[in-house]
Amino acid sequence: MNGFVSDQTPKKGKAYHWNTFMGIEVPIHTGAEMLAKKLDMPVIFFSVKRIKRGFYETTFQTLAEHPNDFKDYEITDQFLKLVEQQIHEEPQYYLWTHKRWKHRKL
């Protein structure tokens, strides 16, 4: 099993895919999807929700059981939409210092 935290921005010269995130077109890391396809490993999104101090609930959602059945970047785009949805639901827990919008198309 491999795990990736893919909410950082890639270096500008290594941006192979762009998509809209929170209303702004930004470069997206694609390594998790490409590796999943290469190894034919399922892709699972998980979110953590704070219940109360010291108590958290984790939810797992399968994005792709067989990643090679998906078009390139389709899994990555699905992941991005889920991250955005999670931020809209509980923005106070998003790490806004990621500089996610450092590189963007103008």
PDB file of N, CA and C in Angstrom:
ATOM      1  N   MET A   1       0.849  -1.178   0.000  1.00  0.00           N
ATOM      2  CA  MET A   1       0.000   0.000   0.000  1.00  0.00           C
ATOM      3  C   MET A   1       0.891   1.236   0.000  1.00  0.00           C
ATOM      4  N   ASN A   2       0.526   2.201  -0.798  1.00  0.00           N
ATOM      5  CA  ASN A   2       1.219   3.480  -0.846  1.00  0.00           C
ATOM      6  C   ASN A   2       0.246   4.581  -0.480  1.00  0.00           C
ATOM      7  N   GLY A   3       0.752   5.617   0.157  1.00  0.00           N
ATOM      8  CA  GLY A   3      -0.079   6.755   0.513  1.00  0.00           C
ATOM      9  C   GLY A   3       0.545   8.042   0.016  1.00  0.00           C
ATOM     10  N   PHE A   4      -0.285   8.957  -0.419  1.00  0.00           N
ATOM     11  CA  PHE A   4       0.184  10.244  -0.900  1.00  0.00           C
ATOM     12  C   PHE A   4      -0.656  11.353  -0.301  1.00  0.00           C
ATOM     13  N   VAL A   5       0.006  12.411   0.068  1.00  0.00           N
ATOM     14  CA  VAL A   5      -0.687  13.632   0.452  1.00  0.00           C
ATOM     15  C   VAL A   5      -0.403  14.596  -0.694  1.00  0.00           C
ATOM     16  N   SER A   6      -1.394  14.848  -1.495  1.00  0.00           N
ATOM     17  CA  SER A   6      -1.173  15.552  -2.763  1.00  0.00           C
ATOM     18  C   SER A   6      -1.843  16.908  -2.821  1.00  0.00           C
ATOM     19  N   ASP A   7      -1.642  17.715  -1.839  1.00  0.00           N
ATOM     20  CA  ASP A   7      -2.291  19.014  -1.887  1.00  0.00           C
ATOM     21  C   ASP A   7      -1.284  20.151  -2.009  1.00  0.00           C
ATOM     22  N   GLN A   8      -0.083  19.849  -2.401  1.00  0.00           N
ATOM     23  CA  GLN A   8       0.915  20.884  -2.621  1.00  0.00           C
ATOM     24  C   GLN A   8       0.916  21.248  -4.097  1.00  0.00           C
ATOM     25  N   THR A   9       1.576  22.339  -4.438  1.00  0.00           N
ATOM     26  CA  THR A   9       1.684  22.725  -5.840  1.00  0.00           C
ATOM     27  C   THR A   9       2.998  22.189  -6.406  1.00  0.00           C
ATOM     28  N   PRO A  10       2.992  21.637  -7.614  1.00  0.00           N
ATOM     29  CA  PRO A  10       4.247  21.165  -8.203  1.00  0.00           C
ATOM     30  C   PRO A  10       5.100  22.342  -8.665  1.00  0.00           C
ATOM     31  N   LYS A  11       6.384  22.078  -8.886  1.00  0.00           N
ATOM     32  CA  LYS A  11       7.249  23.112  -9.433  1.00  0.00           C
ATOM     33  C   LYS A  11       6.716  23.491 -10.806  1.00  0.00           C
ATOM     34  N   LYS A  12       6.864  24.753 -11.149  1.00  0.00           N
ATOM     35  CA  LYS A  12       6.268  25.258 -12.387  1.00  0.00           C
ATOM     36  C   LYS A  12       6.716  24.464 -13.614  1.00  0.00           C
ATOM     37  N   GLY A  13       7.971  24.091 -13.694  1.00  0.00           N
ATOM     38  CA  GLY A  13       8.475  23.342 -14.836  1.00  0.00           C
ATOM     39  C   GLY A  13       8.048  21.885 -14.852  1.00  0.00           C
ATOM     40  N   LYS A  14       7.458  21.401 -13.769  1.00  0.00           N
ATOM     41  CA  LYS A  14       7.031  20.002 -13.673  1.00  0.00           C
ATOM     42  C   LYS A  14       5.510  19.884 -13.631  1.00  0.00           C
ATOM     43  N   ALA A  15       4.828  20.902 -14.084  1.00  0.00           N
ATOM     44  CA  ALA A  15       3.361  20.902 -14.083  1.00  0.00           C
ATOM     45  C   ALA A  15       2.862  20.298 -15.392  1.00  0.00           C
ATOM     46  N   TYR A  16       2.346  19.078 -15.323  1.00  0.00           N
ATOM     47  CA  TYR A  16       1.864  18.378 -16.513  1.00  0.00           C
ATOM     48  C   TYR A  16       0.346  18.479 -16.669  1.00  0.00           C
ATOM     49  N   HIS A  17      -0.328  18.879 -15.608  1.00  0.00           N
ATOM     50  CA  HIS A  17      -1.790  18.941 -15.647  1.00  0.00           C
ATOM     51  C   HIS A  17      -2.263  20.133 -14.827  1.00  0.00           C
ATOM     52  N   TRP A  18      -3.218  20.864 -15.365  1.00  0.00           N
ATOM     53  CA  TRP A  18      -3.806  22.020 -14.697  1.00  0.00           C
ATOM     54  C   TRP A  18      -5.302  21.791 -14.574  1.00  0.00           C
ATOM     55  N   ASN A  19      -5.876  22.304 -13.482  1.00  0.00           N
ATOM     56  CA  ASN A  19      -7.324  22.233 -13.303  1.00  0.00           C
ATOM     57  C   ASN A  19      -7.745  23.350 -12.360  1.00  0.00           C
ATOM     58  N   THR A  20      -9.037  23.586 -12.286  1.00  0.00           N
ATOM     59  CA  THR A  20      -9.562  24.639 -11.424  1.00  0.00           C
ATOM     60  C   THR A  20      -9.698  24.129  -9.998  1.00  0.00           C
ATOM     61  N   PHE A  21      -9.134  24.892  -9.061  1.00  0.00           N
ATOM     62  CA  PHE A  21      -9.211  24.573  -7.641  1.00  0.00           C
ATOM     63  C   PHE A  21      -9.628  25.842  -6.914  1.00  0.00           C
ATOM     64  N   MET A  22     -10.786  25.812  -6.285  1.00  0.00           N
ATOM     65  CA  MET A  22     -11.316  26.970  -5.562  1.00  0.00           C
ATOM     66  C   MET A  22     -11.425  28.183  -6.495  1.00  0.00           C
ATOM     67  N   GLY A  23     -11.803  27.921  -7.752  1.00  0.00           N
ATOM     68  CA  GLY A  23     -12.033  28.989  -8.712  1.00  0.00           C
ATOM     69  C   GLY A  23     -10.806  29.500  -9.445  1.00  0.00           C
ATOM     70  N   ILE A  24      -9.643  28.910  -9.210  1.00  0.00           N
ATOM     71  CA  ILE A  24      -8.409  29.367  -9.840  1.00  0.00           C
ATOM     72  C   ILE A  24      -7.742  28.184 -10.539  1.00  0.00           C
ATOM     73  N   GLU A  25      -7.296  28.393 -11.773  1.00  0.00           N
ATOM     74  CA  GLU A  25      -6.624  27.320 -12.508  1.00  0.00           C
ATOM     75  C   GLU A  25      -5.182  27.192 -12.018  1.00  0.00           C
ATOM     76  N   VAL A  26      -4.852  26.009 -11.506  1.00  0.00           N
ATOM     77  CA  VAL A  26      -3.548  25.767 -10.883  1.00  0.00           C
ATOM     78  C   VAL A  26      -2.965  24.439 -11.377  1.00  0.00           C
ATOM     79  N   PRO A  27      -1.627  24.274 -11.260  1.00  0.00           N
ATOM     80  CA  PRO A  27      -1.026  22.988 -11.609  1.00  0.00           C
ATOM     81  C   PRO A  27      -1.318  21.960 -10.520  1.00  0.00           C
ATOM     82  N   ILE A  28      -1.440  20.711 -10.930  1.00  0.00           N
ATOM     83  CA  ILE A  28      -1.807  19.638 -10.009  1.00  0.00           C
ATOM     84  C   ILE A  28      -0.771  18.523 -10.089  1.00  0.00           C
ATOM     85  N   HIS A  29      -0.367  17.987  -8.930  1.00  0.00           N
ATOM     86  CA  HIS A  29       0.496  16.801  -8.917  1.00  0.00           C
ATOM     87  C   HIS A  29      -0.266  15.623  -9.520  1.00  0.00           C
ATOM     88  N   THR A  30       0.396  14.856 -10.349  1.00  0.00           N
ATOM     89  CA  THR A  30      -0.242  13.703 -10.990  1.00  0.00           C
ATOM     90  C   THR A  30       0.449  12.389 -10.640  1.00  0.00           C
ATOM     91  N   GLY A  31       1.481  12.452  -9.824  1.00  0.00           N
ATOM     92  CA  GLY A  31       2.281  11.267  -9.513  1.00  0.00           C
ATOM     93  C   GLY A  31       1.503  10.130  -8.883  1.00  0.00           C
ATOM     94  N   ALA A  32       0.571  10.431  -8.004  1.00  0.00           N
ATOM     95  CA  ALA A  32      -0.194   9.370  -7.337  1.00  0.00           C
ATOM     96  C   ALA A  32      -1.001   8.577  -8.357  1.00  0.00           C
ATOM     97  N   GLU A  33      -1.649   9.277  -9.272  1.00  0.00           N
ATOM     98  CA  GLU A  33      -2.437   8.590 -10.302  1.00  0.00           C
ATOM     99  C   GLU A  33      -1.538   7.788 -11.239  1.00  0.00           C
ATOM    100  N   MET A  34      -0.430   8.374 -11.663  1.00  0.00           N
ATOM    101  CA  MET A  34       0.461   7.678 -12.593  1.00  0.00           C
ATOM    102  C   MET A  34       1.060   6.420 -11.956  1.00  0.00           C
ATOM    103  N   LEU A  35       1.438   6.511 -10.687  1.00  0.00           N
ATOM    104  CA  LEU A  35       1.987   5.344  -9.992  1.00  0.00           C
ATOM    105  C   LEU A  35       0.913   4.277  -9.789  1.00  0.00           C
ATOM    106  N   ALA A  36      -0.294   4.703  -9.448  1.00  0.00           N
ATOM    107  CA  ALA A  36      -1.399   3.750  -9.274  1.00  0.00           C
ATOM    108  C   ALA A  36      -1.660   3.004 -10.579  1.00  0.00           C
ATOM    109  N   LYS A  37      -1.585   3.707 -11.696  1.00  0.00           N
ATOM    110  CA  LYS A  37      -1.795   3.059 -12.993  1.00  0.00           C
ATOM    111  C   LYS A  37      -0.645   2.114 -13.324  1.00  0.00           C
ATOM    112  N   LYS A  38       0.564   2.551 -13.045  1.00  0.00           N
ATOM    113  CA  LYS A  38       1.733   1.717 -13.338  1.00  0.00           C
ATOM    114  C   LYS A  38       1.696   0.415 -12.541  1.00  0.00           C
ATOM    115  N   LEU A  39       1.297   0.499 -11.270  1.00  0.00           N
ATOM    116  CA  LEU A  39       1.276  -0.672 -10.389  1.00  0.00           C
ATOM    117  C   LEU A  39      -0.094  -1.338 -10.330  1.00  0.00           C
ATOM    118  N   ASP A  40      -1.071  -0.777 -11.022  1.00  0.00           N
ATOM    119  CA  ASP A  40      -2.454  -1.260 -11.008  1.00  0.00           C
ATOM    120  C   ASP A  40      -2.970  -1.416  -9.575  1.00  0.00           C
ATOM    121  N   MET A  41      -2.797  -0.347  -8.800  1.00  0.00           N
ATOM    122  CA  MET A  41      -3.232  -0.332  -7.399  1.00  0.00           C
ATOM    123  C   MET A  41      -4.454   0.560  -7.248  1.00  0.00           C
ATOM    124  N   PRO A  42      -5.423   0.166  -6.416  1.00  0.00           N
ATOM    125  CA  PRO A  42      -6.599   1.009  -6.176  1.00  0.00           C
ATOM    126  C   PRO A  42      -6.197   2.371  -5.594  1.00  0.00           C
ATOM    127  N   VAL A  43      -7.011   3.369  -5.878  1.00  0.00           N
ATOM    128  CA  VAL A  43      -6.800   4.709  -5.339  1.00  0.00           C
ATOM    129  C   VAL A  43      -7.934   4.985  -4.362  1.00  0.00           C
ATOM    130  N   ILE A  44      -7.557   5.339  -3.141  1.00  0.00           N
ATOM    131  CA  ILE A  44      -8.544   5.566  -2.083  1.00  0.00           C
ATOM    132  C   ILE A  44      -8.339   6.959  -1.506  1.00  0.00           C
ATOM    133  N   PHE A  45      -9.407   7.715  -1.436  1.00  0.00           N
ATOM    134  CA  PHE A  45      -9.391   9.042  -0.820  1.00  0.00           C
ATOM    135  C   PHE A  45      -9.843   8.885   0.623  1.00  0.00           C
ATOM    136  N   PHE A  46      -9.138   9.540   1.526  1.00  0.00           N
ATOM    137  CA  PHE A  46      -9.643   9.519   2.895  1.00  0.00           C
ATOM    138  C   PHE A  46      -9.696  10.925   3.444  1.00  0.00           C
ATOM    139  N   SER A  47     -10.711  11.148   4.239  1.00  0.00           N
ATOM    140  CA  SER A  47     -10.868  12.442   4.893  1.00  0.00           C
ATOM    141  C   SER A  47     -10.981  12.215   6.391  1.00  0.00           C
ATOM    142  N   VAL A  48     -10.516  13.188   7.125  1.00  0.00           N
ATOM    143  CA  VAL A  48     -10.555  13.120   8.584  1.00  0.00           C
ATOM    144  C   VAL A  48     -11.422  14.266   9.077  1.00  0.00           C
ATOM    145  N   LYS A  49     -12.375  13.949   9.914  1.00  0.00           N
ATOM    146  CA  LYS A  49     -13.278  14.960  10.464  1.00  0.00           C
ATOM    147  C   LYS A  49     -13.116  14.995  11.978  1.00  0.00           C
ATOM    148  N   ARG A  50     -12.979  16.195  12.513  1.00  0.00           N
ATOM    149  CA  ARG A  50     -12.864  16.362  13.959  1.00  0.00           C
ATOM    150  C   ARG A  50     -14.253  16.252  14.574  1.00  0.00           C
ATOM    151  N   ILE A  51     -14.406  15.345  15.522  1.00  0.00           N
ATOM    152  CA  ILE A  51     -15.673  15.164  16.223  1.00  0.00           C
ATOM    153  C   ILE A  51     -15.717  16.088  17.441  1.00  0.00           C
ATOM    154  N   LYS A  52     -14.683  16.007  18.238  1.00  0.00           N
ATOM    155  CA  LYS A  52     -14.477  16.903  19.377  1.00  0.00           C
ATOM    156  C   LYS A  52     -13.005  16.811  19.735  1.00  0.00           C
ATOM    157  N   ARG A  53     -12.573  17.603  20.674  1.00  0.00           N
ATOM    158  CA  ARG A  53     -11.160  17.636  21.022  1.00  0.00           C
ATOM    159  C   ARG A  53     -10.624  16.220  21.273  1.00  0.00           C
ATOM    160  N   GLY A  54      -9.614  15.857  20.492  1.00  0.00           N
ATOM    161  CA  GLY A  54      -8.971  14.560  20.647  1.00  0.00           C
ATOM    162  C   GLY A  54      -9.692  13.399  19.988  1.00  0.00           C
ATOM    163  N   PHE A  55     -10.822  13.657  19.319  1.00  0.00           N
ATOM    164  CA  PHE A  55     -11.597  12.588  18.681  1.00  0.00           C
ATOM    165  C   PHE A  55     -11.818  12.923  17.204  1.00  0.00           C
ATOM    166  N   TYR A  56     -11.471  11.975  16.355  1.00  0.00           N
ATOM    167  CA  TYR A  56     -11.569  12.181  14.916  1.00  0.00           C
ATOM    168  C   TYR A  56     -12.205  10.965  14.256  1.00  0.00           C
ATOM    169  N   GLU A  57     -12.830  11.202  13.136  1.00  0.00           N
ATOM    170  CA  GLU A  57     -13.456  10.132  12.366  1.00  0.00           C
ATOM    171  C   GLU A  57     -12.855  10.161  10.961  1.00  0.00           C
ATOM    172  N   THR A  58     -12.434   9.008  10.489  1.00  0.00           N
ATOM    173  CA  THR A  58     -11.853   8.904   9.155  1.00  0.00           C
ATOM    174  C   THR A  58     -12.822   8.177   8.235  1.00  0.00           C
ATOM    175  N   THR A  59     -12.998   8.728   7.057  1.00  0.00           N
ATOM    176  CA  THR A  59     -13.864   8.128   6.047  1.00  0.00           C
ATOM    177  C   THR A  59     -13.012   7.790   4.829  1.00  0.00           C
ATOM    178  N   PHE A  60     -13.167   6.574   4.329  1.00  0.00           N
ATOM    179  CA  PHE A  60     -12.427   6.125   3.153  1.00  0.00           C
ATOM    180  C   PHE A  60     -13.391   5.991   1.980  1.00  0.00           C
ATOM    181  N   GLN A  61     -12.950   6.441   0.821  1.00  0.00           N
ATOM    182  CA  GLN A  61     -13.782   6.383  -0.379  1.00  0.00           C
ATOM    183  C   GLN A  61     -12.914   5.911  -1.547  1.00  0.00           C
ATOM    184  N   THR A  62     -13.299   4.818  -2.168  1.00  0.00           N
ATOM    185  CA  THR A  62     -12.549   4.304  -3.311  1.00  0.00           C
ATOM    186  C   THR A  62     -12.799   5.194  -4.525  1.00  0.00           C
ATOM    187  N   LEU A  63     -11.715   5.731  -5.084  1.00  0.00           N
ATOM    188  CA  LEU A  63     -11.822   6.551  -6.292  1.00  0.00           C
ATOM    189  C   LEU A  63     -11.673   5.693  -7.544  1.00  0.00           C
ATOM    190  N   ALA A  64     -10.828   4.672  -7.451  1.00  0.00           N
ATOM    191  CA  ALA A  64     -10.599   3.813  -8.616  1.00  0.00           C
ATOM    192  C   ALA A  64     -10.118   2.449  -8.148  1.00  0.00           C
ATOM    193  N   GLU A  65     -10.932   1.445  -8.368  1.00  0.00           N
ATOM    194  CA  GLU A  65     -10.521   0.075  -8.042  1.00  0.00           C
ATOM    195  C   GLU A  65      -9.475  -0.401  -9.053  1.00  0.00           C
ATOM    196  N   HIS A  66      -9.700  -0.060 -10.311  1.00  0.00           N
ATOM    197  CA  HIS A  66      -8.780  -0.410 -11.400  1.00  0.00           C
ATOM    198  C   HIS A  66      -8.423   0.884 -12.139  1.00  0.00           C
ATOM    199  N   PRO A  67      -7.361   1.561 -11.714  1.00  0.00           N
ATOM    200  CA  PRO A  67      -7.046   2.888 -12.249  1.00  0.00           C
ATOM    201  C   PRO A  67      -6.804   2.936 -13.756  1.00  0.00           C
ATOM    202  N   ASN A  68      -6.381   1.834 -14.342  1.00  0.00           N
ATOM    203  CA  ASN A  68      -6.131   1.847 -15.789  1.00  0.00           C
ATOM    204  C   ASN A  68      -7.412   1.931 -16.612  1.00  0.00           C
ATOM    205  N   ASP A  69      -8.554   1.770 -15.967  1.00  0.00           N
ATOM    206  CA  ASP A  69      -9.839   1.915 -16.654  1.00  0.00           C
ATOM    207  C   ASP A  69     -10.229   3.387 -16.840  1.00  0.00           C
ATOM    208  N   PHE A  70      -9.455   4.298 -16.252  1.00  0.00           N
ATOM    209  CA  PHE A  70      -9.777   5.726 -16.281  1.00  0.00           C
ATOM    210  C   PHE A  70      -8.872   6.463 -17.264  1.00  0.00           C
ATOM    211  N   LYS A  71      -9.396   7.538 -17.852  1.00  0.00           N
ATOM    212  CA  LYS A  71      -8.594   8.402 -18.715  1.00  0.00           C
ATOM    213  C   LYS A  71      -7.539   9.096 -17.860  1.00  0.00           C
ATOM    214  N   ASP A  72      -6.450   9.531 -18.496  1.00  0.00           N
ATOM    215  CA  ASP A  72      -5.412  10.254 -17.768  1.00  0.00           C
ATOM    216  C   ASP A  72      -6.000  11.479 -17.072  1.00  0.00           C
ATOM    217  N   TYR A  73      -5.607  11.651 -15.849  1.00  0.00           N
ATOM    218  CA  TYR A  73      -5.965  12.771 -14.971  1.00  0.00           C
ATOM    219  C   TYR A  73      -7.391  12.728 -14.444  1.00  0.00           C
ATOM    220  N   GLU A  74      -8.179  11.773 -14.851  1.00  0.00           N
ATOM    221  CA  GLU A  74      -9.557  11.677 -14.370  1.00  0.00           C
ATOM    222  C   GLU A  74      -9.596  11.409 -12.859  1.00  0.00           C
ATOM    223  N   ILE A  75      -8.728  10.553 -12.374  1.00  0.00           N
ATOM    224  CA  ILE A  75      -8.670  10.245 -10.937  1.00  0.00           C
ATOM    225  C   ILE A  75      -8.147  11.455 -10.173  1.00  0.00           C
ATOM    226  N   THR A  76      -7.126  12.096 -10.727  1.00  0.00           N
ATOM    227  CA  THR A  76      -6.556  13.290 -10.092  1.00  0.00           C
ATOM    228  C   THR A  76      -7.610  14.386  -9.970  1.00  0.00           C
ATOM    229  N   ASP A  77      -8.392  14.587 -11.014  1.00  0.00           N
ATOM    230  CA  ASP A  77      -9.439  15.614 -10.988  1.00  0.00           C
ATOM    231  C   ASP A  77     -10.526  15.274  -9.972  1.00  0.00           C
ATOM    232  N   GLN A  78     -10.854  14.004  -9.870  1.00  0.00           N
ATOM    233  CA  GLN A  78     -11.849  13.557  -8.891  1.00  0.00           C
ATOM    234  C   GLN A  78     -11.329  13.811  -7.471  1.00  0.00           C
ATOM    235  N   PHE A  79     -10.056  13.506  -7.247  1.00  0.00           N
ATOM    236  CA  PHE A  79      -9.424  13.763  -5.952  1.00  0.00           C
ATOM    237  C   PHE A  79      -9.501  15.255  -5.614  1.00  0.00           C
ATOM    238  N   LEU A  80      -9.164  16.090  -6.589  1.00  0.00           N
ATOM    239  CA  LEU A  80      -9.152  17.534  -6.372  1.00  0.00           C
ATOM    240  C   LEU A  80     -10.532  18.053  -5.984  1.00  0.00           C
ATOM    241  N   LYS A  81     -11.573  17.551  -6.626  1.00  0.00           N
ATOM    242  CA  LYS A  81     -12.944  17.965  -6.293  1.00  0.00           C
ATOM    243  C   LYS A  81     -13.304  17.570  -4.858  1.00  0.00           C
ATOM    244  N   LEU A  82     -12.852  16.404  -4.421  1.00  0.00           N
ATOM    245  CA  LEU A  82     -13.140  15.970  -3.053  1.00  0.00           C
ATOM    246  C   LEU A  82     -12.393  16.821  -2.026  1.00  0.00           C
ATOM    247  N   VAL A  83     -11.159  17.200  -2.341  1.00  0.00           N
ATOM    248  CA  VAL A  83     -10.410  18.090  -1.442  1.00  0.00           C
ATOM    249  C   VAL A  83     -11.128  19.428  -1.341  1.00  0.00           C
ATOM    250  N   GLU A  84     -11.558  19.953  -2.471  1.00  0.00           N
ATOM    251  CA  GLU A  84     -12.270  21.236  -2.485  1.00  0.00           C
ATOM    252  C   GLU A  84     -13.574  21.148  -1.687  1.00  0.00           C
ATOM    253  N   GLN A  85     -14.304  20.068  -1.856  1.00  0.00           N
ATOM    254  CA  GLN A  85     -15.551  19.863  -1.107  1.00  0.00           C
ATOM    255  C   GLN A  85     -15.273  19.821   0.398  1.00  0.00           C
ATOM    256  N   GLN A  86     -14.211  19.136   0.771  1.00  0.00           N
ATOM    257  CA  GLN A  86     -13.838  19.029   2.182  1.00  0.00           C
ATOM    258  C   GLN A  86     -13.495  20.407   2.757  1.00  0.00           C
ATOM    259  N   ILE A  87     -12.813  21.226   1.976  1.00  0.00           N
ATOM    260  CA  ILE A  87     -12.459  22.579   2.429  1.00  0.00           C
ATOM    261  C   ILE A  87     -13.717  23.428   2.596  1.00  0.00           C
ATOM    262  N   HIS A  88     -14.645  23.334   1.661  1.00  0.00           N
ATOM    263  CA  HIS A  88     -15.893  24.102   1.765  1.00  0.00           C
ATOM    264  C   HIS A  88     -16.688  23.701   3.008  1.00  0.00           C
ATOM    265  N   GLU A  89     -16.652  22.420   3.355  1.00  0.00           N
ATOM    266  CA  GLU A  89     -17.401  21.940   4.518  1.00  0.00           C
ATOM    267  C   GLU A  89     -16.773  22.393   5.832  1.00  0.00           C
ATOM    268  N   GLU A  90     -15.438  22.399   5.903  1.00  0.00           N
ATOM    269  CA  GLU A  90     -14.756  22.776   7.141  1.00  0.00           C
ATOM    270  C   GLU A  90     -13.459  23.533   6.839  1.00  0.00           C
ATOM    271  N   PRO A  91     -13.575  24.781   6.390  1.00  0.00           N
ATOM    272  CA  PRO A  91     -12.393  25.547   5.985  1.00  0.00           C
ATOM    273  C   PRO A  91     -11.401  25.808   7.115  1.00  0.00           C
ATOM    274  N   GLN A  92     -11.859  25.762   8.336  1.00  0.00           N
ATOM    275  CA  GLN A  92     -10.971  26.047   9.465  1.00  0.00           C
ATOM    276  C   GLN A  92      -9.880  24.995   9.632  1.00  0.00           C
ATOM    277  N   TYR A  93     -10.043  23.834   9.012  1.00  0.00           N
ATOM    278  CA  TYR A  93      -9.046  22.774   9.167  1.00  0.00           C
ATOM    279  C   TYR A  93      -8.107  22.651   7.977  1.00  0.00           C
ATOM    280  N   TYR A  94      -8.298  23.479   6.972  1.00  0.00           N
ATOM    281  CA  TYR A  94      -7.409  23.434   5.812  1.00  0.00           C
ATOM    282  C   TYR A  94      -6.142  24.202   6.137  1.00  0.00           C
ATOM    283  N   LEU A  95      -5.016  23.663   5.744  1.00  0.00           N
ATOM    284  CA  LEU A  95      -3.737  24.319   5.996  1.00  0.00           C
ATOM    285  C   LEU A  95      -3.508  25.358   4.893  1.00  0.00           C
ATOM    286  N   TRP A  96      -3.944  26.574   5.138  1.00  0.00           N
ATOM    287  CA  TRP A  96      -3.915  27.625   4.125  1.00  0.00           C
ATOM    288  C   TRP A  96      -2.502  28.084   3.792  1.00  0.00           C
ATOM    289  N   THR A  97      -1.520  27.666   4.543  1.00  0.00           N
ATOM    290  CA  THR A  97      -0.146  28.087   4.277  1.00  0.00           C
ATOM    291  C   THR A  97       0.512  27.275   3.169  1.00  0.00           C
ATOM    292  N   HIS A  98      -0.203  26.354   2.529  1.00  0.00           N
ATOM    293  CA  HIS A  98       0.369  25.516   1.470  1.00  0.00           C
ATOM    294  C   HIS A  98       0.802  26.297   0.238  1.00  0.00           C
ATOM    295  N   LYS A  99       0.370  27.524   0.108  1.00  0.00           N
ATOM    296  CA  LYS A  99       0.647  28.335  -1.084  1.00  0.00           C
ATOM    297  C   LYS A  99       0.174  27.600  -2.335  1.00  0.00           C
ATOM    298  N   ARG A 100      -1.004  27.048  -2.265  1.00  0.00           N
ATOM    299  CA  ARG A 100      -1.584  26.256  -3.347  1.00  0.00           C
ATOM    300  C   ARG A 100      -1.701  27.049  -4.640  1.00  0.00           C
ATOM    301  N   TRP A 101      -1.824  28.359  -4.542  1.00  0.00           N
ATOM    302  CA  TRP A 101      -2.034  29.194  -5.720  1.00  0.00           C
ATOM    303  C   TRP A 101      -0.763  29.927  -6.144  1.00  0.00           C
ATOM    304  N   LYS A 102       0.378  29.413  -5.740  1.00  0.00           N
ATOM    305  CA  LYS A 102       1.657  30.053  -6.054  1.00  0.00           C
ATOM    306  C   LYS A 102       1.864  30.158  -7.570  1.00  0.00           C
ATOM    307  N   HIS A 103       1.548  29.099  -8.298  1.00  0.00           N
ATOM    308  CA  HIS A 103       1.641  29.094  -9.758  1.00  0.00           C
ATOM    309  C   HIS A 103       0.220  29.016 -10.298  1.00  0.00           C
ATOM    310  N   ARG A 104      -0.120  29.919 -11.166  1.00  0.00           N
ATOM    311  CA  ARG A 104      -1.464  29.891 -11.743  1.00  0.00           C
ATOM    312  C   ARG A 104      -1.435  30.491 -13.137  1.00  0.00           C
ATOM    313  N   LYS A 105      -2.405  30.087 -13.928  1.00  0.00           N
ATOM    314  CA  LYS A 105      -2.536  30.665 -15.265  1.00  0.00           C
ATOM    315  C   LYS A 105      -3.297  31.974 -15.133  1.00  0.00           C
ATOM    316  N   LEU A 106      -2.805  32.985 -15.776  1.00  0.00           N
ATOM    317  CA  LEU A 106      -3.458  34.300 -15.714  1.00  0.00           C
ATOM    318  C   LEU A 106      -4.260  34.567 -16.960  1.00  0.00           C
TER     319      LEU A 106
END
